[in-house]
C-alpha atoms as a PDB file:
ATOM      1  CA  MET A   1      27.491 -18.823  35.080  1.00  0.00           C
ATOM      2  CA  ILE A   2      26.884 -20.425  38.462  1.00  0.00           C
ATOM      3  CA  VAL A   3      23.531 -20.682  40.215  1.00  0.00           C
ATOM      4  CA  TYR A   4      23.438 -20.841  44.007  1.00  0.00           C
ATOM      5  CA  GLU A   5      20.528 -21.667  46.290  1.00  0.00           C
ATOM      6  CA  LEU A   6      20.412 -18.853  48.843  1.00  0.00           C
ATOM      7  CA  THR A   7      18.480 -18.108  52.054  1.00  0.00           C
ATOM      8  CA  CYS A   8      18.201 -15.012  54.211  1.00  0.00           C
ATOM      9  CA  ALA A   9      17.955 -14.626  57.989  1.00  0.00           C
ATOM     10  CA  HIS A  10      14.161 -14.873  57.673  1.00  0.00           C
ATOM     11  CA  ALA A  11      14.322 -18.156  55.914  1.00  0.00           C
ATOM     12  CA  HIS A  12      13.221 -16.884  52.480  1.00  0.00           C
ATOM     13  CA  ARG A  13      14.846 -19.101  49.940  1.00  0.00           C
ATOM     14  CA  PHE A  14      15.741 -17.860  46.461  1.00  0.00           C
ATOM     15  CA  GLU A  15      18.446 -18.326  43.883  1.00  0.00           C
ATOM     16  CA  GLY A  16      21.216 -16.243  42.780  1.00  0.00           C
ATOM     17  CA  TRP A  17      23.140 -16.274  39.413  1.00  0.00           C
ATOM     18  CA  PHE A  18      26.861 -15.339  39.559  1.00  0.00           C
ATOM     19  CA  ALA A  19      29.657 -15.283  37.086  1.00  0.00           C
ATOM     20  CA  SER A  20      31.853 -17.396  39.525  1.00  0.00           C
ATOM     21  CA  GLY A  21      32.138 -18.345  43.210  1.00  0.00           C
ATOM     22  CA  ASP A  22      34.499 -15.476  43.626  1.00  0.00           C
ATOM     23  CA  ASP A  23      32.004 -13.164  42.199  1.00  0.00           C
ATOM     24  CA  TYR A  24      29.391 -14.419  44.758  1.00  0.00           C
ATOM     25  CA  ALA A  25      31.791 -13.951  47.552  1.00  0.00           C
ATOM     26  CA  SER A  26      32.769 -10.433  46.502  1.00  0.00           C
ATOM     27  CA  GLN A  27      29.194  -9.220  46.068  1.00  0.00           C
ATOM     28  CA  ARG A  28      28.164 -10.762  49.391  1.00  0.00           C
ATOM     29  CA  GLU A  29      31.012  -9.032  51.159  1.00  0.00           C
ATOM     30  CA  ARG A  30      29.924  -5.668  49.515  1.00  0.00           C
ATOM     31  CA  GLY A  31      26.296  -6.191  50.709  1.00  0.00           C
ATOM     32  CA  LEU A  32      25.059  -6.628  47.145  1.00  0.00           C
ATOM     33  CA  VAL A  33      23.434  -9.897  47.600  1.00  0.00           C
ATOM     34  CA  THR A  34      20.044  -9.300  49.301  1.00  0.00           C
ATOM     35  CA  CYS A  35      16.805 -11.256  49.643  1.00  0.00           C
ATOM     36  CA  PRO A  36      14.259 -10.329  46.856  1.00  0.00           C
ATOM     37  CA  MET A  37      11.454 -10.828  49.419  1.00  0.00           C
ATOM     38  CA  CYS A  38      12.683  -8.738  52.306  1.00  0.00           C
ATOM     39  CA  ASP A  39      15.816  -7.047  51.214  1.00  0.00           C
ATOM     40  CA  ASP A  40      17.867  -8.677  54.010  1.00  0.00           C
ATOM     41  CA  ALA A  41      21.617  -8.707  53.280  1.00  0.00           C
ATOM     42  CA  HIS A  42      22.360 -11.580  55.826  1.00  0.00           C
ATOM     43  CA  VAL A  43      22.352 -14.133  52.902  1.00  0.00           C
ATOM     44  CA  GLU A  44      23.811 -17.700  53.067  1.00  0.00           C
ATOM     45  CA  ARG A  45      24.257 -20.440  50.511  1.00  0.00           C
ATOM     46  CA  VAL A  46      22.226 -23.497  51.163  1.00  0.00           C
ATOM     47  CA  PRO A  47      22.777 -27.100  49.895  1.00  0.00           C
ATOM     48  CA  SER A  48      21.503 -27.540  46.284  1.00  0.00           C
ATOM     49  CA  ALA A  49      20.693 -30.432  44.029  1.00  0.00           C
ATOM     50  CA  ARG A  50      21.777 -28.361  40.924  1.00  0.00           C
ATOM     51  CA  VAL A  51      24.850 -29.599  39.095  1.00  0.00           C
ATOM     52  CA  SER A  52      26.373 -27.776  36.257  1.00  0.00           C
ATOM     53  CA  VAL A  53      28.754 -29.055  33.637  1.00  0.00           C
ATOM     54  CA  PRO A  54      31.104 -26.789  31.822  1.00  0.00           C
ATOM     55  CA  LYS A  55      30.692 -26.332  28.071  1.00  0.00           C
ATOM     56  CA  GLY A  56      32.490 -29.066  26.128  1.00  0.00           C
ATOM     57  CA  ALA A  57      32.827 -31.307  29.060  1.00  0.00           C
ATOM     58  CA  THR A  58      31.809 -35.016  28.559  1.00  0.00           C
ATOM     59  CA  ARG A  59      29.753 -36.933  30.975  1.00  0.00           C
ATOM     60  CA  ALA A  60      29.717 -40.621  31.510  1.00  0.00           C
ATOM     61  CA  ALA A  61      26.528 -42.361  30.565  1.00  0.00           C
ATOM     62  CA  SER A  62      24.253 -42.784  33.443  1.00  0.00           C
ATOM     63  CA  PRO A  63      20.672 -44.004  33.747  1.00  0.00           C
ATOM     64  CA  PRO A  64      17.979 -41.299  33.201  1.00  0.00           C
ATOM     65  CA  ARG A  65      17.036 -39.428  36.324  1.00  0.00           C
ATOM     66  CA  PRO A  66      13.521 -38.155  37.050  1.00  0.00           C
ATOM     67  CA  SER A  67      13.363 -34.479  36.552  1.00  0.00           C
ATOM     68  CA  ALA A  68      13.013 -32.117  39.488  1.00  0.00           C
ATOM     69  CA  PRO A  69       9.419 -31.252  40.349  1.00  0.00           C
ATOM     70  CA  THR A  70       8.297 -27.904  38.955  1.00  0.00           C
ATOM     71  CA  PRO A  71       6.359 -25.472  41.106  1.00  0.00           C
ATOM     72  CA  PRO A  72       2.603 -25.421  40.448  1.00  0.00           C
ATOM     73  CA  PRO A  73       1.635 -22.845  37.980  1.00  0.00           C
ATOM     74  CA  ALA A  74      -0.370 -20.879  40.523  1.00  0.00           C
ATOM     75  CA  GLN A  75       2.788 -20.010  42.333  1.00  0.00           C
ATOM     76  CA  ASP A  76       5.245 -17.190  41.515  1.00  0.00           C
ATOM     77  CA  ALA A  77       8.685 -18.678  41.816  1.00  0.00           C
ATOM     78  CA  SER A  78      10.482 -15.623  42.978  1.00  0.00           C
ATOM     79  CA  ALA A  79       8.183 -14.809  45.828  1.00  0.00           C
ATOM     80  CA  GLY A  80       6.657 -18.221  46.806  1.00  0.00           C
ATOM     81  CA  LEU A  81       3.237 -16.583  46.925  1.00  0.00           C
ATOM     82  CA  PRO A  82       0.097 -17.619  44.862  1.00  0.00           C
ATOM     83  CA  ALA A  83       0.109 -15.622  41.690  1.00  0.00           C
ATOM     84  CA  GLU A  84      -3.361 -14.047  42.419  1.00  0.00           C
ATOM     85  CA  LEU A  85      -2.084 -12.750  45.796  1.00  0.00           C
ATOM     86  CA  LEU A  86       1.061 -11.442  44.396  1.00  0.00           C
ATOM     87  CA  ALA A  87      -0.931  -9.574  41.607  1.00  0.00           C
ATOM     88  CA  LYS A  88      -3.107  -7.972  44.286  1.00  0.00           C
ATOM     89  CA  LEU A  89      -0.218  -7.021  46.460  1.00  0.00           C
ATOM     90  CA  ARG A  90       1.637  -5.478  43.545  1.00  0.00           C
ATOM     91  CA  GLU A  91      -1.564  -3.558  42.630  1.00  0.00           C
ATOM     92  CA  VAL A  92      -1.883  -2.080  46.042  1.00  0.00           C
ATOM     93  CA  VAL A  93       1.789  -0.985  46.064  1.00  0.00           C
ATOM     94  CA  LYS A  94       1.331   0.577  42.670  1.00  0.00           C
ATOM     95  CA  GLN A  95      -1.480   2.770  44.173  1.00  0.00           C
ATOM     96  CA  THR A  96       1.134   4.386  46.520  1.00  0.00           C
ATOM     97  CA  GLU A  97       3.074   7.582  45.672  1.00  0.00           C
ATOM     98  CA  ASN A  98       6.885   7.039  45.331  1.00  0.00           C
ATOM     99  CA  VAL A  99       8.347   9.876  47.301  1.00  0.00           C
ATOM    100  CA  GLY A 100      11.817   8.391  47.020  1.00  0.00           C
ATOM    101  CA  THR A 101      14.468   9.563  49.548  1.00  0.00           C
ATOM    102  CA  ARG A 102      11.906  12.139  50.965  1.00  0.00           C
ATOM    103  CA  PHE A 103      10.263   9.102  52.704  1.00  0.00           C
ATOM    104  CA  PRO A 104      11.187  10.074  56.238  1.00  0.00           C
ATOM    105  CA  GLU A 105      10.105  13.651  55.838  1.00  0.00           C
ATOM    106  CA  GLU A 106       6.826  12.836  54.133  1.00  0.00           C
ATOM    107  CA  ALA A 107       6.041  10.097  56.649  1.00  0.00           C
ATOM    108  CA  ARG A 108       6.454  12.703  59.443  1.00  0.00           C
ATOM    109  CA  ARG A 109       4.424  15.345  57.658  1.00  0.00           C
ATOM    110  CA  ILE A 110       1.517  12.819  57.326  1.00  0.00           C
ATOM    111  CA  HIS A 111       1.877  11.403  61.016  1.00  0.00           C
ATOM    112  CA  TYR A 112       1.834  14.956  62.389  1.00  0.00           C
ATOM    113  CA  GLU A 113      -1.134  15.888  60.044  1.00  0.00           C
ATOM    114  CA  GLU A 114       0.746  18.717  58.372  1.00  0.00           C
ATOM    115  CA  VAL A 115      -0.606  17.311  55.001  1.00  0.00           C
ATOM    116  CA  PRO A 116      -3.438  15.079  54.169  1.00  0.00           C
ATOM    117  CA  ALA A 117      -2.896  11.279  54.605  1.00  0.00           C
ATOM    118  CA  ARG A 118      -2.058   9.228  51.619  1.00  0.00           C
ATOM    119  CA  PRO A 119      -0.199   6.020  50.806  1.00  0.00           C
ATOM    120  CA  ILE A 120       3.426   6.535  50.209  1.00  0.00           C
ATOM    121  CA  ARG A 121       6.532   4.563  49.618  1.00  0.00           C
ATOM    122  CA  GLY A 122      10.225   5.390  49.383  1.00  0.00           C
ATOM    123  CA  GLN A 123      13.525   4.863  50.819  1.00  0.00           C
ATOM    124  CA  ALA A 124      14.955   5.508  54.243  1.00  0.00           C
ATOM    125  CA  SER A 125      18.326   4.875  55.888  1.00  0.00           C
ATOM    126  CA  ALA A 126      18.619   2.557  58.857  1.00  0.00           C
ATOM    127  CA  ASP A 127      19.063   5.582  61.109  1.00  0.00           C
ATOM    128  CA  ASP A 128      15.982   7.439  59.623  1.00  0.00           C
ATOM    129  CA  ALA A 129      13.919   4.155  59.949  1.00  0.00           C
ATOM    130  CA  LYS A 130      14.963   3.796  63.584  1.00  0.00           C
ATOM    131  CA  ALA A 131      14.050   7.495  64.311  1.00  0.00           C
ATOM    132  CA  LEU A 132      10.633   7.082  62.643  1.00  0.00           C
ATOM    133  CA  GLN A 133       9.951   3.984  64.812  1.00  0.00           C
ATOM    134  CA  ASP A 134      11.108   6.010  67.973  1.00  0.00           C
ATOM    135  CA  GLU A 135       8.559   8.672  67.081  1.00  0.00           C
ATOM    136  CA  GLY A 136       5.802   6.044  66.884  1.00  0.00           C
ATOM    137  CA  ILE A 137       5.392   6.351  63.136  1.00  0.00           C
ATOM    138  CA  GLU A 138       4.246   3.102  61.662  1.00  0.00           C
ATOM    139  CA  PHE A 139       5.658   1.889  58.403  1.00  0.00           C
ATOM    140  CA  SER A 140       6.631  -1.408  56.844  1.00  0.00           C
ATOM    141  CA  PRO A 141       9.348  -2.255  54.328  1.00  0.00           C
ATOM    142  CA  VAL A 142       8.066  -3.156  50.824  1.00  0.00           C
ATOM    143  CA  PRO A 143       9.807  -6.178  49.557  1.00  0.00           C
ATOM    144  CA  PRO A 144      11.515  -5.346  46.198  1.00  0.00           C
ATOM    145  CA  PHE A 145       9.581  -8.011  44.309  1.00  0.00           C
ATOM    146  CA  LEU A 146       6.395  -6.058  44.928  1.00  0.00           C
ATOM    147  CA  LEU A 147       7.557  -2.830  43.530  1.00  0.00           C
ATOM    148  CA  PRO A 148       6.017  -1.959  40.176  1.00  0.00           C
ATOM    149  CA  ASP A 149       9.448  -1.899  38.305  1.00  0.00           C
ATOM    150  CA  SER A 150      10.650  -5.262  39.741  1.00  0.00           C
ATOM    151  CA  HIS A 151       8.930  -7.647  37.406  1.00  0.00           C
END
């Protein structure tokens, strides 16, 4: 198992675990490596201080090194947000109705007042999202780490 420090085009830093360097490259090429905060697939490796030693390998004796600083307990390591804020955001998202792939249709029905307004979430293709924006329908992507089934 190999751990890479990664960043997306929006400068969100996170780590990814892969079976090998080739596995990382293959997943990245297929668009499977995405930012857990914004779902951006433009992900790059960044320099890391992590060093792994294969099982059974011997290491030369070296002086003890100070351990890496650990994040404060009030932080959620995956999102970089204070735990209290993260919990509140997840609670807000939990109060939305998951309409799945019907999101573009439901967003339009709400926007054009065909149905009563209600908080919804779901999936939309890039083309559907662009069409909604062109129609003046406001929405925001929900980062995967806020979804009720992501933690």
